[in-house]
Amino acid sequence: MKRYEAMVIIKPDMNKEELDRTVSSMQDAITKNGGKVESCQKWARRQLAYSIKKHREGDYYLLDFEAEPKSITAVENVYKLNESILRAMITVKE
């Protein structure tokens, strides 16, 4: 398994319950595809350089995880289908 890092921007207008549900669904997408989440950290709410889906701010989360390279596409697809996630980027951690 390789180590990966995911930077995710979530909608800022969600309540605590919706936010917890979104974060757990991000982690579930990794574990259901055979990965293991090392850590999930909330960075901050930051202003975006341009509006994404009519939002000018977003909550940034950083996930460190291990997964098989073939499962990354499935995780990315789950992130794209989640309407609470504005943007997500997964990179290989060296």
PDB file of N, CA and C in Angstrom:
ATOM      1  N   MET A   1       0.838  -1.179   0.000  1.00  0.00           N
ATOM      2  CA  MET A   1       0.000   0.000   0.000  1.00  0.00           C
ATOM      3  C   MET A   1       0.880   1.239   0.000  1.00  0.00           C
ATOM      4  N   LYS A   2       0.372   2.284  -0.648  1.00  0.00           N
ATOM      5  CA  LYS A   2       1.073   3.550  -0.691  1.00  0.00           C
ATOM      6  C   LYS A   2       0.420   4.536   0.256  1.00  0.00           C
ATOM      7  N   ARG A   3       1.192   5.547   0.624  1.00  0.00           N
ATOM      8  CA  ARG A   3       0.672   6.613   1.490  1.00  0.00           C
ATOM      9  C   ARG A   3       0.173   7.753   0.605  1.00  0.00           C
ATOM     10  N   TYR A   4      -0.991   8.283   0.967  1.00  0.00           N
ATOM     11  CA  TYR A   4      -1.610   9.370   0.212  1.00  0.00           C
ATOM     12  C   TYR A   4      -2.032  10.477   1.156  1.00  0.00           C
ATOM     13  N   GLU A   5      -2.290  11.619   0.553  1.00  0.00           N
ATOM     14  CA  GLU A   5      -2.757  12.789   1.280  1.00  0.00           C
ATOM     15  C   GLU A   5      -3.902  13.391   0.465  1.00  0.00           C
ATOM     16  N   ALA A   6      -5.004  13.696   1.132  1.00  0.00           N
ATOM     17  CA  ALA A   6      -6.150  14.294   0.440  1.00  0.00           C
ATOM     18  C   ALA A   6      -6.442  15.654   1.066  1.00  0.00           C
ATOM     19  N   MET A   7      -6.506  16.676   0.233  1.00  0.00           N
ATOM     20  CA  MET A   7      -6.918  18.002   0.671  1.00  0.00           C
ATOM     21  C   MET A   7      -8.337  18.196   0.148  1.00  0.00           C
ATOM     22  N   VAL A   8      -9.257  18.454   1.073  1.00  0.00           N
ATOM     23  CA  VAL A   8     -10.672  18.538   0.726  1.00  0.00           C
ATOM     24  C   VAL A   8     -11.221  19.877   1.202  1.00  0.00           C
ATOM     25  N   ILE A   9     -12.001  20.527   0.351  1.00  0.00           N
ATOM     26  CA  ILE A   9     -12.680  21.774   0.710  1.00  0.00           C
ATOM     27  C   ILE A   9     -14.170  21.464   0.821  1.00  0.00           C
ATOM     28  N   ILE A  10     -14.740  21.758   1.987  1.00  0.00           N
ATOM     29  CA  ILE A  10     -16.142  21.457   2.268  1.00  0.00           C
ATOM     30  C   ILE A  10     -16.924  22.762   2.364  1.00  0.00           C
ATOM     31  N   LYS A  11     -18.210  22.710   2.021  1.00  0.00           N
ATOM     32  CA  LYS A  11     -19.083  23.880   2.106  1.00  0.00           C
ATOM     33  C   LYS A  11     -19.045  24.474   3.509  1.00  0.00           C
ATOM     34  N   PRO A  12     -19.003  25.782   3.636  1.00  0.00           N
ATOM     35  CA  PRO A  12     -18.912  26.405   4.965  1.00  0.00           C
ATOM     36  C   PRO A  12     -20.252  26.588   5.670  1.00  0.00           C
ATOM     37  N   ASP A  13     -21.365  26.428   4.971  1.00  0.00           N
ATOM     38  CA  ASP A  13     -22.673  26.745   5.548  1.00  0.00           C
ATOM     39  C   ASP A  13     -23.399  25.533   6.135  1.00  0.00           C
ATOM     40  N   MET A  14     -22.652  24.537   6.564  1.00  0.00           N
ATOM     41  CA  MET A  14     -23.257  23.330   7.122  1.00  0.00           C
ATOM     42  C   MET A  14     -23.253  23.388   8.644  1.00  0.00           C
ATOM     43  N   ASN A  15     -24.254  22.751   9.263  1.00  0.00           N
ATOM     44  CA  ASN A  15     -24.257  22.689  10.726  1.00  0.00           C
ATOM     45  C   ASN A  15     -23.335  21.554  11.185  1.00  0.00           C
ATOM     46  N   LYS A  16     -23.153  21.442  12.492  1.00  0.00           N
ATOM     47  CA  LYS A  16     -22.194  20.488  13.068  1.00  0.00           C
ATOM     48  C   LYS A  16     -22.519  19.052  12.671  1.00  0.00           C
ATOM     49  N   GLU A  17     -23.798  18.694  12.684  1.00  0.00           N
ATOM     50  CA  GLU A  17     -24.206  17.321  12.360  1.00  0.00           C
ATOM     51  C   GLU A  17     -23.905  16.975  10.897  1.00  0.00           C
ATOM     52  N   GLU A  18     -24.224  17.886   9.989  1.00  0.00           N
ATOM     53  CA  GLU A  18     -23.946  17.654   8.572  1.00  0.00           C
ATOM     54  C   GLU A  18     -22.447  17.587   8.310  1.00  0.00           C
ATOM     55  N   LEU A  19     -21.692  18.423   8.992  1.00  0.00           N
ATOM     56  CA  LEU A  19     -20.241  18.434   8.827  1.00  0.00           C
ATOM     57  C   LEU A  19     -19.630  17.122   9.303  1.00  0.00           C
ATOM     58  N   ASP A  20     -20.082  16.625  10.458  1.00  0.00           N
ATOM     59  CA  ASP A  20     -19.587  15.343  10.966  1.00  0.00           C
ATOM     60  C   ASP A  20     -19.933  14.206  10.011  1.00  0.00           C
ATOM     61  N   ARG A  21     -21.131  14.260   9.437  1.00  0.00           N
ATOM     62  CA  ARG A  21     -21.561  13.222   8.500  1.00  0.00           C
ATOM     63  C   ARG A  21     -20.702  13.246   7.232  1.00  0.00           C
ATOM     64  N   THR A  22     -20.365  14.431   6.765  1.00  0.00           N
ATOM     65  CA  THR A  22     -19.536  14.560   5.569  1.00  0.00           C
ATOM     66  C   THR A  22     -18.115  14.062   5.822  1.00  0.00           C
ATOM     67  N   VAL A  23     -17.546  14.425   6.971  1.00  0.00           N
ATOM     68  CA  VAL A  23     -16.185  13.980   7.303  1.00  0.00           C
ATOM     69  C   VAL A  23     -16.152  12.462   7.461  1.00  0.00           C
ATOM     70  N   SER A  24     -17.156  11.881   8.098  1.00  0.00           N
ATOM     71  CA  SER A  24     -17.174  10.422   8.250  1.00  0.00           C
ATOM     72  C   SER A  24     -17.383   9.730   6.906  1.00  0.00           C
ATOM     73  N   SER A  25     -18.130  10.347   5.988  1.00  0.00           N
ATOM     74  CA  SER A  25     -18.300   9.734   4.666  1.00  0.00           C
ATOM     75  C   SER A  25     -16.998   9.799   3.864  1.00  0.00           C
ATOM     76  N   MET A  26     -16.187  10.853   4.085  1.00  0.00           N
ATOM     77  CA  MET A  26     -14.879  10.923   3.427  1.00  0.00           C
ATOM     78  C   MET A  26     -13.980   9.794   3.912  1.00  0.00           C
ATOM     79  N   GLN A  27     -13.997   9.537   5.219  1.00  0.00           N
ATOM     80  CA  GLN A  27     -13.178   8.473   5.780  1.00  0.00           C
ATOM     81  C   GLN A  27     -13.720   7.102   5.379  1.00  0.00           C
ATOM     82  N   ASP A  28     -15.045   6.949   5.326  1.00  0.00           N
ATOM     83  CA  ASP A  28     -15.642   5.679   4.926  1.00  0.00           C
ATOM     84  C   ASP A  28     -15.305   5.323   3.486  1.00  0.00           C
ATOM     85  N   ALA A  29     -15.215   6.325   2.615  1.00  0.00           N
ATOM     86  CA  ALA A  29     -14.864   6.070   1.224  1.00  0.00           C
ATOM     87  C   ALA A  29     -13.485   5.428   1.121  1.00  0.00           C
ATOM     88  N   ILE A  30     -12.590   5.816   1.997  1.00  0.00           N
ATOM     89  CA  ILE A  30     -11.238   5.246   1.990  1.00  0.00           C
ATOM     90  C   ILE A  30     -11.250   3.839   2.563  1.00  0.00           C
ATOM     91  N   THR A  31     -11.893   3.653   3.715  1.00  0.00           N
ATOM     92  CA  THR A  31     -11.873   2.337   4.362  1.00  0.00           C
ATOM     93  C   THR A  31     -12.660   1.298   3.570  1.00  0.00           C
ATOM     94  N   LYS A  32     -13.742   1.689   2.904  1.00  0.00           N
ATOM     95  CA  LYS A  32     -14.523   0.736   2.112  1.00  0.00           C
ATOM     96  C   LYS A  32     -13.771   0.261   0.879  1.00  0.00           C
ATOM     97  N   ASN A  33     -12.793   1.031   0.443  1.00  0.00           N
ATOM     98  CA  ASN A  33     -11.983   0.641  -0.704  1.00  0.00           C
ATOM     99  C   ASN A  33     -10.653   0.039  -0.280  1.00  0.00           C
ATOM    100  N   GLY A  34     -10.574  -0.450   0.938  1.00  0.00           N
ATOM    101  CA  GLY A  34      -9.401  -1.178   1.394  1.00  0.00           C
ATOM    102  C   GLY A  34      -8.288  -0.320   1.966  1.00  0.00           C
ATOM    103  N   GLY A  35      -8.545   0.941   2.230  1.00  0.00           N
ATOM    104  CA  GLY A  35      -7.517   1.822   2.766  1.00  0.00           C
ATOM    105  C   GLY A  35      -7.612   1.954   4.278  1.00  0.00           C
ATOM    106  N   LYS A  36      -6.672   2.700   4.834  1.00  0.00           N
ATOM    107  CA  LYS A  36      -6.619   2.932   6.278  1.00  0.00           C
ATOM    108  C   LYS A  36      -6.324   4.410   6.518  1.00  0.00           C
ATOM    109  N   VAL A  37      -7.217   5.090   7.231  1.00  0.00           N
ATOM    110  CA  VAL A  37      -7.052   6.514   7.507  1.00  0.00           C
ATOM    111  C   VAL A  37      -6.109   6.683   8.691  1.00  0.00           C
ATOM    112  N   GLU A  38      -5.022   7.417   8.476  1.00  0.00           N
ATOM    113  CA  GLU A  38      -4.049   7.697   9.537  1.00  0.00           C
ATOM    114  C   GLU A  38      -4.507   8.876  10.391  1.00  0.00           C
ATOM    115  N   SER A  39      -4.907   9.976   9.734  1.00  0.00           N
ATOM    116  CA  SER A  39      -5.362  11.151  10.473  1.00  0.00           C
ATOM    117  C   SER A  39      -6.284  11.986   9.598  1.00  0.00           C
ATOM    118  N   CYS A  40      -7.125  12.754  10.269  1.00  0.00           N
ATOM    119  CA  CYS A  40      -8.029  13.686   9.596  1.00  0.00           C
ATOM    120  C   CYS A  40      -8.007  14.976  10.404  1.00  0.00           C
ATOM    121  N   GLN A  41      -7.482  16.039   9.809  1.00  0.00           N
ATOM    122  CA  GLN A  41      -7.327  17.301  10.524  1.00  0.00           C
ATOM    123  C   GLN A  41      -8.122  18.401   9.829  1.00  0.00           C
ATOM    124  N   LYS A  42      -8.809  19.202  10.636  1.00  0.00           N
ATOM    125  CA  LYS A  42      -9.440  20.400  10.090  1.00  0.00           C
ATOM    126  C   LYS A  42      -8.409  21.508  10.134  1.00  0.00           C
ATOM    127  N   TRP A  43      -8.150  22.115   8.975  1.00  0.00           N
ATOM    128  CA  TRP A  43      -7.189  23.201   8.938  1.00  0.00           C
ATOM    129  C   TRP A  43      -7.838  24.499   9.361  1.00  0.00           C
ATOM    130  N   ALA A  44      -8.690  25.027   8.537  1.00  0.00           N
ATOM    131  CA  ALA A  44      -9.319  26.312   8.847  1.00  0.00           C
ATOM    132  C   ALA A  44     -10.388  26.618   7.814  1.00  0.00           C
ATOM    133  N   ARG A  45     -11.165  27.636   8.095  1.00  0.00           N
ATOM    134  CA  ARG A  45     -12.079  28.180   7.093  1.00  0.00           C
ATOM    135  C   ARG A  45     -11.335  29.324   6.415  1.00  0.00           C
ATOM    136  N   ARG A  46     -11.229  29.227   5.092  1.00  0.00           N
ATOM    137  CA  ARG A  46     -10.463  30.225   4.357  1.00  0.00           C
ATOM    138  C   ARG A  46     -11.273  30.766   3.200  1.00  0.00           C
ATOM    139  N   GLN A  47     -10.946  31.967   2.802  1.00  0.00           N
ATOM    140  CA  GLN A  47     -11.566  32.567   1.633  1.00  0.00           C
ATOM    141  C   GLN A  47     -10.960  31.940   0.385  1.00  0.00           C
ATOM    142  N   LEU A  48     -11.810  31.625  -0.584  1.00  0.00           N
ATOM    143  CA  LEU A  48     -11.351  31.012  -1.826  1.00  0.00           C
ATOM    144  C   LEU A  48     -10.916  32.094  -2.809  1.00  0.00           C
ATOM    145  N   ALA A  49     -10.026  31.750  -3.709  1.00  0.00           N
ATOM    146  CA  ALA A  49      -9.547  32.703  -4.707  1.00  0.00           C
ATOM    147  C   ALA A  49     -10.657  33.055  -5.703  1.00  0.00           C
ATOM    148  N   TYR A  50     -11.557  32.112  -5.940  1.00  0.00           N
ATOM    149  CA  TYR A  50     -12.703  32.330  -6.824  1.00  0.00           C
ATOM    150  C   TYR A  50     -13.856  31.507  -6.278  1.00  0.00           C
ATOM    151  N   SER A  51     -15.073  31.859  -6.652  1.00  0.00           N
ATOM    152  CA  SER A  51     -16.228  31.149  -6.098  1.00  0.00           C
ATOM    153  C   SER A  51     -16.348  29.766  -6.723  1.00  0.00           C
ATOM    154  N   ILE A  52     -16.682  28.808  -5.879  1.00  0.00           N
ATOM    155  CA  ILE A  52     -16.917  27.434  -6.299  1.00  0.00           C
ATOM    156  C   ILE A  52     -18.337  27.086  -5.861  1.00  0.00           C
ATOM    157  N   LYS A  53     -19.192  26.759  -6.817  1.00  0.00           N
ATOM    158  CA  LYS A  53     -20.593  26.433  -6.528  1.00  0.00           C
ATOM    159  C   LYS A  53     -21.252  27.529  -5.690  1.00  0.00           C
ATOM    160  N   LYS A  54     -20.964  28.773  -6.041  1.00  0.00           N
ATOM    161  CA  LYS A  54     -21.515  29.983  -5.407  1.00  0.00           C
ATOM    162  C   LYS A  54     -21.057  30.174  -3.958  1.00  0.00           C
ATOM    163  N   HIS A  55     -19.937  29.597  -3.577  1.00  0.00           N
ATOM    164  CA  HIS A  55     -19.360  29.781  -2.241  1.00  0.00           C
ATOM    165  C   HIS A  55     -18.040  30.531  -2.370  1.00  0.00           C
ATOM    166  N   ARG A  56     -17.837  31.510  -1.497  1.00  0.00           N
ATOM    167  CA  ARG A  56     -16.602  32.287  -1.483  1.00  0.00           C
ATOM    168  C   ARG A  56     -15.650  31.832  -0.379  1.00  0.00           C
ATOM    169  N   GLU A  57     -16.112  30.960   0.535  1.00  0.00           N
ATOM    170  CA  GLU A  57     -15.285  30.408   1.605  1.00  0.00           C
ATOM    171  C   GLU A  57     -15.429  28.889   1.606  1.00  0.00           C
ATOM    172  N   GLY A  58     -14.493  28.236   2.295  1.00  0.00           N
ATOM    173  CA  GLY A  58     -14.567  26.795   2.428  1.00  0.00           C
ATOM    174  C   GLY A  58     -13.798  26.319   3.642  1.00  0.00           C
ATOM    175  N   ASP A  59     -14.233  25.188   4.197  1.00  0.00           N
ATOM    176  CA  ASP A  59     -13.532  24.541   5.303  1.00  0.00           C
ATOM    177  C   ASP A  59     -12.547  23.533   4.726  1.00  0.00           C
ATOM    178  N   TYR A  60     -11.279  23.687   5.065  1.00  0.00           N
ATOM    179  CA  TYR A  60     -10.227  22.824   4.547  1.00  0.00           C
ATOM    180  C   TYR A  60      -9.962  21.669   5.513  1.00  0.00           C
ATOM    181  N   TYR A  61      -9.875  20.451   4.959  1.00  0.00           N
ATOM    182  CA  TYR A  61      -9.544  19.260   5.735  1.00  0.00           C
ATOM    183  C   TYR A  61      -8.392  18.540   5.051  1.00  0.00           C
ATOM    184  N   LEU A  62      -7.509  17.971   5.862  1.00  0.00           N
ATOM    185  CA  LEU A  62      -6.369  17.212   5.366  1.00  0.00           C
ATOM    186  C   LEU A  62      -6.463  15.796   5.905  1.00  0.00           C
ATOM    187  N   LEU A  63      -6.483  14.819   5.006  1.00  0.00           N
ATOM    188  CA  LEU A  63      -6.538  13.414   5.395  1.00  0.00           C
ATOM    189  C   LEU A  63      -5.251  12.733   4.970  1.00  0.00           C
ATOM    190  N   ASP A  64      -4.612  12.034   5.896  1.00  0.00           N
ATOM    191  CA  ASP A  64      -3.467  11.173   5.597  1.00  0.00           C
ATOM    192  C   ASP A  64      -3.966   9.740   5.646  1.00  0.00           C
ATOM    193  N   PHE A  65      -3.675   8.964   4.596  1.00  0.00           N
ATOM    194  CA  PHE A  65      -4.166   7.589   4.568  1.00  0.00           C
ATOM    195  C   PHE A  65      -3.278   6.699   3.722  1.00  0.00           C
ATOM    196  N   GLU A  66      -3.472   5.400   3.898  1.00  0.00           N
ATOM    197  CA  GLU A  66      -2.798   4.392   3.094  1.00  0.00           C
ATOM    198  C   GLU A  66      -3.853   3.669   2.278  1.00  0.00           C
ATOM    199  N   ALA A  67      -3.519   3.373   1.023  1.00  0.00           N
ATOM    200  CA  ALA A  67      -4.461   2.667   0.162  1.00  0.00           C
ATOM    201  C   ALA A  67      -3.712   2.051  -1.011  1.00  0.00           C
ATOM    202  N   GLU A  68      -4.391   1.142  -1.673  1.00  0.00           N
ATOM    203  CA  GLU A  68      -3.855   0.562  -2.897  1.00  0.00           C
ATOM    204  C   GLU A  68      -4.047   1.577  -4.024  1.00  0.00           C
ATOM    205  N   PRO A  69      -3.093   1.674  -4.943  1.00  0.00           N
ATOM    206  CA  PRO A  69      -3.216   2.651  -6.028  1.00  0.00           C
ATOM    207  C   PRO A  69      -4.475   2.475  -6.878  1.00  0.00           C
ATOM    208  N   LYS A  70      -4.953   1.259  -7.025  1.00  0.00           N
ATOM    209  CA  LYS A  70      -6.133   1.025  -7.866  1.00  0.00           C
ATOM    210  C   LYS A  70      -7.423   1.533  -7.214  1.00  0.00           C
ATOM    211  N   SER A  71      -7.418   1.771  -5.907  1.00  0.00           N
ATOM    212  CA  SER A  71      -8.633   2.214  -5.226  1.00  0.00           C
ATOM    213  C   SER A  71      -8.777   3.740  -5.186  1.00  0.00           C
ATOM    214  N   ILE A  72      -7.768   4.475  -5.611  1.00  0.00           N
ATOM    215  CA  ILE A  72      -7.808   5.935  -5.552  1.00  0.00           C
ATOM    216  C   ILE A  72      -8.884   6.495  -6.480  1.00  0.00           C
ATOM    217  N   THR A  73      -9.069   5.891  -7.629  1.00  0.00           N
ATOM    218  CA  THR A  73     -10.091   6.355  -8.567  1.00  0.00           C
ATOM    219  C   THR A  73     -11.477   6.237  -7.957  1.00  0.00           C
ATOM    220  N   ALA A  74     -11.731   5.159  -7.242  1.00  0.00           N
ATOM    221  CA  ALA A  74     -13.033   4.970  -6.599  1.00  0.00           C
ATOM    222  C   ALA A  74     -13.255   6.009  -5.500  1.00  0.00           C
ATOM    223  N   VAL A  75     -12.220   6.316  -4.737  1.00  0.00           N
ATOM    224  CA  VAL A  75     -12.327   7.330  -3.684  1.00  0.00           C
ATOM    225  C   VAL A  75     -12.595   8.706  -4.301  1.00  0.00           C
ATOM    226  N   GLU A  76     -11.894   9.037  -5.378  1.00  0.00           N
ATOM    227  CA  GLU A  76     -12.114  10.316  -6.052  1.00  0.00           C
ATOM    228  C   GLU A  76     -13.541  10.433  -6.573  1.00  0.00           C
ATOM    229  N   ASN A  77     -14.087   9.342  -7.101  1.00  0.00           N
ATOM    230  CA  ASN A  77     -15.456   9.356  -7.612  1.00  0.00           C
ATOM    231  C   ASN A  77     -16.464   9.595  -6.495  1.00  0.00           C
ATOM    232  N   VAL A  78     -16.237   9.011  -5.326  1.00  0.00           N
ATOM    233  CA  VAL A  78     -17.122   9.236  -4.187  1.00  0.00           C
ATOM    234  C   VAL A  78     -17.073  10.697  -3.765  1.00  0.00           C
ATOM    235  N   TYR A  79     -15.893  11.285  -3.759  1.00  0.00           N
ATOM    236  CA  TYR A  79     -15.746  12.692  -3.392  1.00  0.00           C
ATOM    237  C   TYR A  79     -16.447  13.606  -4.399  1.00  0.00           C
ATOM    238  N   LYS A  80     -16.369  13.268  -5.683  1.00  0.00           N
ATOM    239  CA  LYS A  80     -17.017  14.087  -6.711  1.00  0.00           C
ATOM    240  C   LYS A  80     -18.536  14.036  -6.600  1.00  0.00           C
ATOM    241  N   LEU A  81     -19.086  12.898  -6.174  1.00  0.00           N
ATOM    242  CA  LEU A  81     -20.536  12.742  -6.067  1.00  0.00           C
ATOM    243  C   LEU A  81     -21.113  13.373  -4.807  1.00  0.00           C
ATOM    244  N   ASN A  82     -20.284  13.631  -3.821  1.00  0.00           N
ATOM    245  CA  ASN A  82     -20.757  14.236  -2.575  1.00  0.00           C
ATOM    246  C   ASN A  82     -20.942  15.739  -2.792  1.00  0.00           C
ATOM    247  N   GLU A  83     -22.160  16.209  -2.643  1.00  0.00           N
ATOM    248  CA  GLU A  83     -22.462  17.616  -2.920  1.00  0.00           C
ATOM    249  C   GLU A  83     -21.925  18.560  -1.858  1.00  0.00           C
ATOM    250  N   SER A  84     -21.569  18.053  -0.695  1.00  0.00           N
ATOM    251  CA  SER A  84     -21.011  18.895   0.371  1.00  0.00           C
ATOM    252  C   SER A  84     -19.547  19.212   0.148  1.00  0.00           C
ATOM    253  N   ILE A  85     -18.889  18.452  -0.714  1.00  0.00           N
ATOM    254  CA  ILE A  85     -17.469  18.654  -1.000  1.00  0.00           C
ATOM    255  C   ILE A  85     -17.343  19.558  -2.222  1.00  0.00           C
ATOM    256  N   LEU A  86     -16.684  20.705  -2.038  1.00  0.00           N
ATOM    257  CA  LEU A  86     -16.491  21.636  -3.145  1.00  0.00           C
ATOM    258  C   LEU A  86     -15.351  21.194  -4.057  1.00  0.00           C
ATOM    259  N   ARG A  87     -14.215  20.820  -3.463  1.00  0.00           N
ATOM    260  CA  ARG A  87     -13.057  20.351  -4.221  1.00  0.00           C
ATOM    261  C   ARG A  87     -12.298  19.323  -3.394  1.00  0.00           C
ATOM    262  N   ALA A  88     -11.634  18.410  -4.095  1.00  0.00           N
ATOM    263  CA  ALA A  88     -10.782  17.420  -3.438  1.00  0.00           C
ATOM    264  C   ALA A  88      -9.596  17.116  -4.332  1.00  0.00           C
ATOM    265  N   MET A  89      -8.440  16.966  -3.716  1.00  0.00           N
ATOM    266  CA  MET A  89      -7.234  16.624  -4.447  1.00  0.00           C
ATOM    267  C   MET A  89      -6.469  15.573  -3.650  1.00  0.00           C
ATOM    268  N   ILE A  90      -6.146  14.469  -4.307  1.00  0.00           N
ATOM    269  CA  ILE A  90      -5.409  13.384  -3.660  1.00  0.00           C
ATOM    270  C   ILE A  90      -4.030  13.310  -4.295  1.00  0.00           C
ATOM    271  N   THR A  91      -2.993  13.303  -3.464  1.00  0.00           N
ATOM    272  CA  THR A  91      -1.621  13.221  -3.947  1.00  0.00           C
ATOM    273  C   THR A  91      -0.886  12.101  -3.218  1.00  0.00           C
ATOM    274  N   VAL A  92       0.160  11.601  -3.848  1.00  0.00           N
ATOM    275  CA  VAL A  92       1.013  10.582  -3.232  1.00  0.00           C
ATOM    276  C   VAL A  92       1.931  11.276  -2.247  1.00  0.00           C
ATOM    277  N   LYS A  93       2.053  10.693  -1.066  1.00  0.00           N
ATOM    278  CA  LYS A  93       2.913  11.268  -0.032  1.00  0.00           C
ATOM    279  C   LYS A  93       4.261  10.552  -0.099  1.00  0.00           C
ATOM    280  N   GLU A  94       5.317  11.296  -0.210  1.00  0.00           N
ATOM    281  CA  GLU A  94       6.672  10.715  -0.330  1.00  0.00           C
ATOM    282  C   GLU A  94       7.268  10.477   1.034  1.00  0.00           C
TER     283      GLU A  94
END
